[in-house]
């Protein structure tokens, strides 16, 4: 019997492919803090981060999606006499104080060292980021790269507790933060 509908074939094949992918893939989720580039003292010194990582058990490739967020900095205004120009009261645009949101998709390649009860993975790869909340004048998308390491505590082949430190570099920003360091904890399922 010949299958004439590609939709029907996809509906039959999707559950089979999902169980096969689940048997060969590991999913990790987590969250934590993010430390941004602090070129400007008007940006917040830390924000929040959440990630989902999909990696293969049999190959060194992974795919990570993450959301980094820096809140709007609360600026306290103090009344007092103005300094002569070009002092802080001489007019011009106010400094950008946030918020900054970065949604990133990063494929990568990893290397893993395993010991009994723990493993340490290093990874690096390109990234593409969307910045829905960004500094004025910055592009809404940015290419870059991301790398980091993850310590997994747990038995081999099973889930575990993750501690991860990454470095994300955005290549297309000029007014906003150029790099971020997410420090996260999570779980591998």
N, C-alpha and C. Protein backbone atom coordinates (compact mmCIF):
# COMPACT_ATOMS: atom_id res chain seq x y z
N UNK A 1 0.84 -1.18 0.00
CA UNK A 1 0.00 0.00 0.00
C UNK A 1 0.88 1.24 0.00
N UNK A 2 0.55 2.18 -0.82
CA UNK A 2 1.34 3.38 -0.97
C UNK A 2 0.72 4.52 -0.16
N UNK A 3 1.56 5.23 0.61
CA UNK A 3 1.07 6.38 1.38
C UNK A 3 1.10 7.60 0.48
N UNK A 4 -0.07 8.22 0.28
CA UNK A 4 -0.16 9.35 -0.64
C UNK A 4 -0.04 10.69 0.06
N UNK A 5 -0.28 10.76 1.31
CA UNK A 5 -0.27 12.04 2.02
C UNK A 5 0.99 12.19 2.87
N UNK A 6 1.79 13.22 2.61
CA UNK A 6 2.96 13.44 3.45
C UNK A 6 2.58 13.75 4.90
N UNK A 7 1.41 14.36 5.09
CA UNK A 7 0.96 14.64 6.45
C UNK A 7 0.70 13.35 7.21
N UNK A 8 0.06 12.38 6.55
CA UNK A 8 -0.19 11.09 7.17
C UNK A 8 1.12 10.39 7.53
N UNK A 9 2.08 10.44 6.62
CA UNK A 9 3.39 9.84 6.88
C UNK A 9 4.07 10.51 8.07
N UNK A 10 3.96 11.84 8.16
CA UNK A 10 4.57 12.57 9.27
C UNK A 10 3.89 12.22 10.60
N UNK A 11 2.56 12.08 10.57
CA UNK A 11 1.84 11.71 11.79
C UNK A 11 2.22 10.32 12.27
N UNK A 12 2.49 9.41 11.37
CA UNK A 12 2.91 8.06 11.74
C UNK A 12 4.36 8.05 12.20
N UNK A 13 5.23 8.81 11.52
CA UNK A 13 6.66 8.78 11.81
C UNK A 13 7.05 9.61 13.03
N UNK A 14 6.31 10.68 13.34
CA UNK A 14 6.69 11.58 14.43
C UNK A 14 6.82 10.88 15.78
N UNK A 15 5.85 10.06 16.21
CA UNK A 15 6.03 9.38 17.50
C UNK A 15 7.22 8.42 17.50
N UNK A 16 7.48 7.76 16.38
CA UNK A 16 8.63 6.86 16.31
C UNK A 16 9.94 7.63 16.39
N UNK A 17 10.01 8.78 15.71
CA UNK A 17 11.20 9.60 15.75
C UNK A 17 11.41 10.20 17.13
N UNK A 18 10.34 10.62 17.80
CA UNK A 18 10.44 11.22 19.13
C UNK A 18 11.01 10.23 20.13
N UNK A 19 10.56 8.99 20.12
CA UNK A 19 11.10 8.01 21.07
C UNK A 19 12.55 7.71 20.76
N UNK A 20 12.90 7.69 19.48
CA UNK A 20 14.30 7.45 19.11
C UNK A 20 15.18 8.62 19.53
N UNK A 21 14.71 9.87 19.32
CA UNK A 21 15.48 11.04 19.73
C UNK A 21 15.62 11.08 21.25
N UNK A 22 14.56 10.78 21.99
CA UNK A 22 14.62 10.80 23.44
C UNK A 22 15.64 9.78 23.97
N UNK A 23 15.73 8.62 23.28
CA UNK A 23 16.69 7.61 23.72
C UNK A 23 18.13 8.04 23.46
N UNK A 24 18.35 8.92 22.49
CA UNK A 24 19.70 9.36 22.15
C UNK A 24 20.03 10.77 22.62
N UNK A 25 19.07 11.51 23.15
CA UNK A 25 19.29 12.90 23.52
C UNK A 25 19.14 13.11 25.02
N UNK A 26 19.82 14.12 25.50
CA UNK A 26 19.70 14.54 26.89
C UNK A 26 19.22 15.99 26.90
N UNK A 27 18.31 16.29 27.78
CA UNK A 27 17.77 17.63 27.91
C UNK A 27 18.18 18.17 29.27
N UNK A 28 18.66 19.40 29.28
CA UNK A 28 19.03 20.07 30.52
C UNK A 28 18.31 21.41 30.58
N UNK A 29 17.85 21.78 31.76
CA UNK A 29 17.19 23.07 31.98
C UNK A 29 17.77 23.69 33.24
N UNK A 30 17.79 25.01 33.27
CA UNK A 30 18.32 25.68 34.45
C UNK A 30 18.15 27.17 34.38
N UNK A 31 18.66 27.82 35.40
CA UNK A 31 18.58 29.27 35.48
C UNK A 31 19.57 29.79 36.50
N UNK A 32 19.73 31.08 36.51
CA UNK A 32 20.67 31.68 37.46
C UNK A 32 20.82 33.16 37.22
N UNK A 33 22.01 33.66 37.51
CA UNK A 33 22.28 35.08 37.34
C UNK A 33 23.15 35.29 36.11
N UNK A 34 23.13 36.49 35.59
CA UNK A 34 23.99 36.86 34.47
C UNK A 34 24.70 38.16 34.82
N UNK A 35 26.00 38.18 34.59
CA UNK A 35 26.82 39.36 34.82
C UNK A 35 27.14 39.96 33.45
N UNK A 36 26.76 41.23 33.20
CA UNK A 36 26.99 41.82 31.88
C UNK A 36 28.28 42.62 31.81
N UNK A 37 28.62 43.02 30.60
CA UNK A 37 29.67 43.99 30.32
C UNK A 37 29.32 45.26 31.10
N UNK A 38 30.25 45.79 31.83
CA UNK A 38 29.97 46.97 32.65
C UNK A 38 30.76 48.18 32.17
N UNK A 39 30.79 48.39 30.86
CA UNK A 39 31.47 49.57 30.31
C UNK A 39 30.82 50.84 30.81
N UNK A 40 29.53 50.80 31.06
CA UNK A 40 28.81 51.97 31.54
C UNK A 40 28.30 51.71 32.95
N UNK A 41 28.50 52.65 33.82
CA UNK A 41 28.03 52.47 35.20
C UNK A 41 26.52 52.61 35.31
N UNK A 42 25.84 53.00 34.21
CA UNK A 42 24.39 53.15 34.27
C UNK A 42 23.66 51.83 34.02
N UNK A 43 24.37 50.74 33.63
CA UNK A 43 23.72 49.45 33.43
C UNK A 43 23.66 48.68 34.72
N UNK A 44 22.65 47.83 34.86
CA UNK A 44 22.59 46.97 36.05
C UNK A 44 23.81 46.05 36.10
N UNK A 45 24.23 45.70 37.31
CA UNK A 45 25.42 44.86 37.46
C UNK A 45 25.09 43.37 37.37
N UNK A 46 23.83 42.99 37.44
CA UNK A 46 23.46 41.59 37.22
C UNK A 46 22.00 41.48 36.85
N UNK A 47 21.68 40.35 36.21
CA UNK A 47 20.32 40.08 35.80
C UNK A 47 20.02 38.61 35.98
N UNK A 48 19.07 38.10 35.20
CA UNK A 48 18.66 36.70 35.31
C UNK A 48 18.84 35.99 33.97
N UNK A 49 18.98 34.66 34.05
CA UNK A 49 19.22 33.83 32.87
C UNK A 49 18.45 32.53 33.02
N UNK A 50 17.92 32.02 31.91
CA UNK A 50 17.30 30.69 31.88
C UNK A 50 17.73 30.02 30.58
N UNK A 51 17.93 28.70 30.63
CA UNK A 51 18.38 27.99 29.42
C UNK A 51 17.71 26.63 29.31
N UNK A 52 17.67 26.13 28.07
CA UNK A 52 17.30 24.76 27.73
C UNK A 52 18.38 24.26 26.80
N UNK A 53 18.98 23.12 27.12
CA UNK A 53 20.07 22.56 26.32
C UNK A 53 19.69 21.16 25.88
N UNK A 54 19.84 20.89 24.59
CA UNK A 54 19.60 19.57 24.02
C UNK A 54 20.92 19.07 23.48
N UNK A 55 21.35 17.90 23.94
CA UNK A 55 22.62 17.34 23.48
C UNK A 55 22.46 15.85 23.23
N UNK A 56 23.25 15.36 22.31
CA UNK A 56 23.21 13.96 21.93
C UNK A 56 24.08 13.14 22.87
N UNK A 57 23.64 11.92 23.17
CA UNK A 57 24.46 11.02 23.99
C UNK A 57 25.63 10.44 23.18
N UNK A 58 25.46 10.34 21.85
CA UNK A 58 26.45 9.65 21.04
C UNK A 58 27.32 10.57 20.18
N UNK A 59 27.01 11.86 20.12
CA UNK A 59 27.83 12.77 19.32
C UNK A 59 28.18 14.00 20.16
N UNK A 60 29.17 14.76 19.73
CA UNK A 60 29.61 15.90 20.53
C UNK A 60 28.81 17.18 20.30
N UNK A 61 27.68 17.12 19.60
CA UNK A 61 26.94 18.32 19.25
C UNK A 61 25.85 18.64 20.26
N UNK A 62 25.58 19.94 20.42
CA UNK A 62 24.50 20.38 21.31
C UNK A 62 23.83 21.60 20.73
N UNK A 63 22.67 21.92 21.25
CA UNK A 63 21.91 23.10 20.87
C UNK A 63 21.36 23.71 22.14
N UNK A 64 21.64 24.99 22.36
CA UNK A 64 21.17 25.66 23.56
C UNK A 64 20.36 26.88 23.19
N UNK A 65 19.24 27.04 23.85
CA UNK A 65 18.43 28.24 23.75
C UNK A 65 18.41 28.90 25.12
N UNK A 66 18.55 30.22 25.15
CA UNK A 66 18.57 30.90 26.44
C UNK A 66 17.93 32.27 26.35
N UNK A 67 17.52 32.77 27.50
CA UNK A 67 16.99 34.13 27.63
C UNK A 67 17.77 34.80 28.75
N UNK A 68 18.38 35.93 28.44
CA UNK A 68 19.11 36.72 29.42
C UNK A 68 18.36 38.02 29.60
N UNK A 69 18.22 38.46 30.83
CA UNK A 69 17.52 39.71 31.07
C UNK A 69 18.21 40.57 32.11
N UNK A 70 18.36 41.84 31.78
CA UNK A 70 18.86 42.83 32.74
C UNK A 70 17.72 43.80 33.02
N UNK A 71 17.43 44.06 34.28
CA UNK A 71 16.32 44.97 34.60
C UNK A 71 16.70 46.42 34.32
N UNK A 72 15.71 47.27 34.33
CA UNK A 72 15.96 48.71 34.21
C UNK A 72 16.65 49.16 35.49
N UNK A 73 17.75 49.87 35.32
CA UNK A 73 18.50 50.36 36.47
C UNK A 73 17.72 51.48 37.14
N UNK A 74 17.61 51.41 38.44
CA UNK A 74 16.94 52.46 39.19
C UNK A 74 17.96 53.57 39.45
N UNK A 75 17.77 54.70 38.81
CA UNK A 75 18.71 55.81 38.94
C UNK A 75 18.14 56.79 39.94
N UNK A 76 18.93 57.11 40.94
CA UNK A 76 18.52 58.09 41.94
C UNK A 76 18.99 59.47 41.49
N UNK A 77 18.07 60.42 41.45
CA UNK A 77 18.42 61.78 41.05
C UNK A 77 18.67 62.60 42.32
N UNK A 78 19.75 63.31 42.32
CA UNK A 78 20.11 64.17 43.46
C UNK A 78 20.12 65.59 42.96
N UNK A 79 19.37 66.48 43.64
CA UNK A 79 19.33 67.87 43.25
C UNK A 79 20.56 68.57 43.80
N UNK A 80 21.09 69.45 43.03
CA UNK A 80 22.26 70.21 43.45
C UNK A 80 22.68 71.14 42.34
N UNK A 81 23.69 71.93 42.57
CA UNK A 81 24.14 72.85 41.52
C UNK A 81 24.78 72.08 40.36
N UNK A 82 24.61 72.61 39.17
CA UNK A 82 25.19 71.98 37.97
C UNK A 82 26.62 72.45 37.79
N UNK A 83 27.42 71.54 37.31
CA UNK A 83 28.79 71.87 36.96
C UNK A 83 28.80 72.62 35.64
N UNK A 84 29.84 73.41 35.39
CA UNK A 84 29.89 74.11 34.10
C UNK A 84 30.00 73.12 32.95
N UNK A 85 29.53 73.54 31.73
CA UNK A 85 29.61 72.62 30.58
C UNK A 85 31.04 72.18 30.33
N UNK A 86 31.30 70.99 29.88
CA UNK A 86 30.37 69.92 29.53
C UNK A 86 30.06 69.02 30.71
N UNK A 87 29.52 69.54 31.78
CA UNK A 87 29.18 68.78 32.97
C UNK A 87 27.92 67.97 32.77
N UNK A 88 27.50 67.26 33.83
CA UNK A 88 26.34 66.37 33.72
C UNK A 88 25.02 67.08 33.50
N UNK A 89 24.93 68.39 33.73
CA UNK A 89 23.67 69.11 33.53
C UNK A 89 23.63 69.86 32.21
N UNK A 90 24.60 69.68 31.35
CA UNK A 90 24.71 70.49 30.14
C UNK A 90 23.80 70.01 29.01
N UNK A 91 22.88 69.14 29.27
CA UNK A 91 21.93 68.70 28.24
C UNK A 91 22.43 67.47 27.51
N UNK A 92 21.73 67.11 26.43
CA UNK A 92 22.10 65.93 25.68
C UNK A 92 21.22 64.76 26.08
N UNK A 93 21.46 63.62 25.47
CA UNK A 93 20.65 62.44 25.72
C UNK A 93 20.99 61.82 27.07
N UNK A 94 19.97 61.31 27.74
CA UNK A 94 20.19 60.62 29.00
C UNK A 94 20.84 59.27 28.71
N UNK A 95 21.67 58.75 29.63
CA UNK A 95 22.29 57.44 29.39
C UNK A 95 21.25 56.34 29.41
N UNK A 96 21.49 55.29 28.61
CA UNK A 96 20.59 54.15 28.54
C UNK A 96 20.72 53.35 29.84
N UNK A 97 19.59 53.09 30.49
CA UNK A 97 19.61 52.38 31.78
C UNK A 97 18.86 51.06 31.73
N UNK A 98 18.51 50.59 30.56
CA UNK A 98 17.85 49.29 30.45
C UNK A 98 16.37 49.44 30.21
N UNK A 99 15.65 48.35 30.16
CA UNK A 99 16.08 46.97 30.33
C UNK A 99 16.75 46.42 29.06
N UNK A 100 17.45 45.32 29.21
CA UNK A 100 18.07 44.61 28.09
C UNK A 100 17.61 43.17 28.16
N UNK A 101 17.10 42.65 27.05
CA UNK A 101 16.70 41.24 26.95
C UNK A 101 17.39 40.64 25.73
N UNK A 102 18.00 39.47 25.91
CA UNK A 102 18.70 38.80 24.82
C UNK A 102 18.17 37.37 24.73
N UNK A 103 17.60 37.00 23.58
CA UNK A 103 17.14 35.64 23.33
C UNK A 103 18.15 35.02 22.36
N UNK A 104 18.80 33.93 22.78
CA UNK A 104 19.93 33.39 22.02
C UNK A 104 19.71 31.92 21.66
N UNK A 105 20.11 31.56 20.46
CA UNK A 105 20.15 30.17 20.01
C UNK A 105 21.60 29.88 19.64
N UNK A 106 22.18 28.85 20.28
CA UNK A 106 23.60 28.54 20.11
C UNK A 106 23.82 27.06 19.84
N UNK A 107 24.18 26.69 18.60
CA UNK A 107 24.65 25.32 18.39
C UNK A 107 26.10 25.25 18.84
N UNK A 108 26.56 24.08 19.20
CA UNK A 108 27.94 23.98 19.65
C UNK A 108 28.50 22.58 19.57
N UNK A 109 29.76 22.49 19.88
CA UNK A 109 30.45 21.21 19.96
C UNK A 109 31.07 21.14 21.34
N UNK A 110 31.06 19.93 21.94
CA UNK A 110 31.53 19.79 23.32
C UNK A 110 32.54 18.67 23.45
N UNK A 111 33.32 18.78 24.51
CA UNK A 111 34.23 17.71 24.92
C UNK A 111 33.94 17.44 26.38
N UNK A 112 33.93 16.17 26.78
CA UNK A 112 33.55 15.80 28.14
C UNK A 112 34.61 14.92 28.78
N UNK A 113 34.94 15.24 30.03
CA UNK A 113 35.79 14.40 30.86
C UNK A 113 34.90 13.80 31.94
N UNK A 114 34.95 12.49 32.10
CA UNK A 114 34.08 11.82 33.08
C UNK A 114 34.89 11.14 34.17
N UNK A 115 34.39 11.23 35.37
CA UNK A 115 34.90 10.51 36.54
C UNK A 115 33.70 9.87 37.20
N UNK A 116 33.93 9.01 38.15
CA UNK A 116 32.80 8.37 38.83
C UNK A 116 31.99 9.41 39.59
N UNK A 117 30.72 9.51 39.25
CA UNK A 117 29.82 10.43 39.93
C UNK A 117 29.82 11.85 39.42
N UNK A 118 30.68 12.20 38.45
CA UNK A 118 30.73 13.57 37.94
C UNK A 118 31.32 13.60 36.54
N UNK A 119 31.02 14.65 35.81
CA UNK A 119 31.64 14.88 34.51
C UNK A 119 31.78 16.39 34.31
N UNK A 120 32.77 16.77 33.53
CA UNK A 120 33.04 18.16 33.21
C UNK A 120 33.03 18.30 31.69
N UNK A 121 32.14 19.16 31.18
CA UNK A 121 32.01 19.37 29.74
C UNK A 121 32.42 20.79 29.38
N UNK A 122 33.17 20.92 28.30
CA UNK A 122 33.55 22.21 27.74
C UNK A 122 32.87 22.32 26.39
N UNK A 123 32.39 23.50 26.04
CA UNK A 123 31.75 23.63 24.74
C UNK A 123 31.92 25.03 24.19
N UNK A 124 31.83 25.12 22.84
CA UNK A 124 31.96 26.40 22.15
C UNK A 124 31.17 26.32 20.85
N UNK A 125 30.68 27.46 20.39
CA UNK A 125 29.96 27.49 19.13
C UNK A 125 29.48 28.88 18.79
N UNK A 126 28.97 29.06 17.58
CA UNK A 126 28.42 30.35 17.16
C UNK A 126 27.08 30.59 17.84
N UNK A 127 26.63 31.83 17.79
CA UNK A 127 25.31 32.14 18.35
C UNK A 127 24.62 33.18 17.48
N UNK A 128 23.31 33.16 17.52
CA UNK A 128 22.50 34.21 16.91
C UNK A 128 21.55 34.68 18.00
N UNK A 129 21.48 35.99 18.18
CA UNK A 129 20.70 36.56 19.28
C UNK A 129 19.70 37.58 18.75
N UNK A 130 18.55 37.61 19.40
CA UNK A 130 17.52 38.61 19.15
C UNK A 130 17.43 39.46 20.40
N UNK A 131 17.43 40.77 20.24
CA UNK A 131 17.39 41.69 21.37
C UNK A 131 16.08 42.49 21.31
N UNK A 132 14.99 41.98 21.89
CA UNK A 132 13.74 42.72 21.85
C UNK A 132 13.80 44.00 22.68
N UNK A 133 14.54 44.01 23.79
CA UNK A 133 14.79 45.20 24.61
C UNK A 133 16.28 45.50 24.48
N UNK A 134 16.62 46.65 23.92
CA UNK A 134 18.02 46.94 23.64
C UNK A 134 18.28 48.44 23.73
N UNK A 135 19.56 48.78 23.69
CA UNK A 135 19.96 50.18 23.72
C UNK A 135 19.58 50.86 22.41
N UNK A 136 19.24 52.14 22.44
CA UNK A 136 18.92 52.85 21.20
C UNK A 136 20.10 52.80 20.23
N UNK A 137 19.80 52.54 18.98
CA UNK A 137 20.84 52.49 17.96
C UNK A 137 21.41 51.11 17.71
N UNK A 138 21.17 50.14 18.59
CA UNK A 138 21.66 48.78 18.39
C UNK A 138 20.70 48.01 17.49
N UNK A 139 21.25 47.07 16.73
CA UNK A 139 20.44 46.23 15.85
C UNK A 139 19.60 45.26 16.68
N UNK A 140 18.49 44.81 16.11
CA UNK A 140 17.62 43.88 16.84
C UNK A 140 18.15 42.45 16.83
N UNK A 141 19.09 42.13 15.94
CA UNK A 141 19.71 40.81 15.92
C UNK A 141 21.23 40.97 15.94
N UNK A 142 21.89 39.94 16.45
CA UNK A 142 23.34 40.00 16.54
C UNK A 142 23.91 38.60 16.42
N UNK A 143 24.96 38.47 15.64
CA UNK A 143 25.72 37.23 15.61
C UNK A 143 26.77 37.30 16.72
N UNK A 144 27.30 36.16 17.08
CA UNK A 144 28.31 36.14 18.12
C UNK A 144 28.82 34.74 18.33
N UNK A 145 29.38 34.52 19.50
CA UNK A 145 29.82 33.18 19.87
C UNK A 145 29.58 32.98 21.35
N UNK A 146 29.52 31.71 21.72
CA UNK A 146 29.24 31.34 23.11
C UNK A 146 30.09 30.12 23.46
N UNK A 147 30.57 30.09 24.65
CA UNK A 147 31.34 28.96 25.13
C UNK A 147 31.21 28.86 26.63
N UNK A 148 31.64 27.74 27.17
CA UNK A 148 31.56 27.61 28.61
C UNK A 148 31.90 26.21 29.07
N UNK A 149 31.63 26.00 30.34
CA UNK A 149 31.84 24.67 30.90
C UNK A 149 30.71 24.34 31.86
N UNK A 150 30.46 23.04 32.00
CA UNK A 150 29.39 22.55 32.87
C UNK A 150 29.91 21.40 33.70
N UNK A 151 29.69 21.48 34.99
CA UNK A 151 29.99 20.38 35.90
C UNK A 151 28.68 19.67 36.18
N UNK A 152 28.62 18.36 35.88
CA UNK A 152 27.41 17.56 36.13
C UNK A 152 27.72 16.58 37.24
N UNK A 153 26.91 16.63 38.28
CA UNK A 153 27.04 15.69 39.40
C UNK A 153 25.93 14.67 39.28
N UNK A 154 26.29 13.41 39.12
CA UNK A 154 25.33 12.34 38.95
C UNK A 154 25.98 11.17 38.25
N UNK A 155 25.33 10.02 38.32
CA UNK A 155 25.91 8.82 37.70
C UNK A 155 25.85 8.91 36.18
N UNK A 156 26.79 8.25 35.53
CA UNK A 156 26.88 8.27 34.07
C UNK A 156 25.63 7.66 33.45
N UNK A 157 25.15 8.28 32.37
CA UNK A 157 23.98 7.78 31.67
C UNK A 157 22.66 8.18 32.29
N UNK A 158 22.69 8.82 33.45
CA UNK A 158 21.46 9.25 34.12
C UNK A 158 21.46 10.77 34.21
N UNK A 159 20.40 11.31 34.74
CA UNK A 159 20.31 12.75 34.95
C UNK A 159 21.26 13.18 36.03
N UNK A 160 21.28 14.48 36.29
CA UNK A 160 22.17 14.97 37.31
C UNK A 160 21.96 16.44 37.58
N UNK A 161 22.66 16.95 38.56
CA UNK A 161 22.65 18.35 38.95
C UNK A 161 23.74 19.07 38.18
N UNK A 162 23.45 20.24 37.62
CA UNK A 162 24.40 20.97 36.78
C UNK A 162 24.80 22.29 37.41
N UNK A 163 26.07 22.63 37.28
CA UNK A 163 26.58 23.95 37.59
C UNK A 163 27.31 24.41 36.33
N UNK A 164 26.92 25.55 35.79
CA UNK A 164 27.43 25.96 34.49
C UNK A 164 27.87 27.42 34.51
N UNK A 165 28.96 27.72 33.81
CA UNK A 165 29.45 29.09 33.59
C UNK A 165 29.73 29.24 32.11
N UNK A 166 29.16 30.26 31.50
CA UNK A 166 29.28 30.49 30.06
C UNK A 166 29.78 31.90 29.80
N UNK A 167 30.18 32.13 28.55
CA UNK A 167 30.56 33.46 28.07
C UNK A 167 29.84 33.67 26.75
N UNK A 168 29.07 34.73 26.64
CA UNK A 168 28.34 35.06 25.42
C UNK A 168 28.85 36.40 24.93
N UNK A 169 29.35 36.43 23.71
CA UNK A 169 29.86 37.66 23.10
C UNK A 169 28.95 38.04 21.94
N UNK A 170 28.40 39.25 21.97
CA UNK A 170 27.59 39.78 20.88
C UNK A 170 28.48 40.64 20.00
N UNK A 171 28.47 40.39 18.69
CA UNK A 171 29.36 41.12 17.80
C UNK A 171 28.71 42.34 17.17
N UNK A 172 27.40 42.50 17.27
CA UNK A 172 26.73 43.60 16.58
C UNK A 172 26.22 44.72 17.48
N UNK A 173 26.62 44.79 18.73
CA UNK A 173 26.11 45.83 19.60
C UNK A 173 27.19 46.89 19.80
N UNK A 174 26.75 48.13 19.91
CA UNK A 174 27.71 49.20 20.15
C UNK A 174 27.33 50.01 21.38
N UNK A 175 26.03 50.17 21.64
CA UNK A 175 25.59 50.99 22.76
C UNK A 175 25.23 50.18 23.99
N UNK A 176 24.80 48.94 23.79
CA UNK A 176 24.42 48.08 24.91
C UNK A 176 25.57 47.20 25.34
N UNK A 177 25.32 46.30 26.28
CA UNK A 177 26.37 45.37 26.72
C UNK A 177 26.88 44.53 25.55
N UNK A 178 28.19 44.29 25.50
CA UNK A 178 28.79 43.49 24.43
C UNK A 178 28.98 42.04 24.83
N UNK A 179 29.07 41.76 26.11
CA UNK A 179 29.25 40.37 26.55
C UNK A 179 28.47 40.13 27.83
N UNK A 180 28.18 38.84 28.06
CA UNK A 180 27.44 38.41 29.24
C UNK A 180 28.11 37.15 29.78
N UNK A 181 28.06 36.95 31.09
CA UNK A 181 28.54 35.72 31.72
C UNK A 181 27.42 35.13 32.55
N UNK A 182 26.65 34.18 31.98
CA UNK A 182 25.62 33.50 32.75
C UNK A 182 26.24 32.47 33.71
N UNK A 183 25.85 32.52 34.95
CA UNK A 183 26.26 31.55 35.97
C UNK A 183 24.98 30.86 36.43
N UNK A 184 24.84 29.57 36.07
CA UNK A 184 23.55 28.92 36.26
C UNK A 184 23.68 27.59 36.99
N UNK A 185 22.58 27.17 37.54
CA UNK A 185 22.42 25.82 38.10
C UNK A 185 21.21 25.22 37.39
N UNK A 186 21.21 23.91 37.30
CA UNK A 186 20.10 23.26 36.61
C UNK A 186 20.10 21.77 36.85
N UNK A 187 19.30 21.10 36.04
CA UNK A 187 19.16 19.67 36.14
C UNK A 187 19.18 19.09 34.73
N UNK A 188 19.83 17.96 34.59
CA UNK A 188 19.83 17.23 33.32
C UNK A 188 18.86 16.07 33.46
N UNK A 189 17.92 16.01 32.53
CA UNK A 189 16.87 14.99 32.60
C UNK A 189 17.28 13.74 31.85
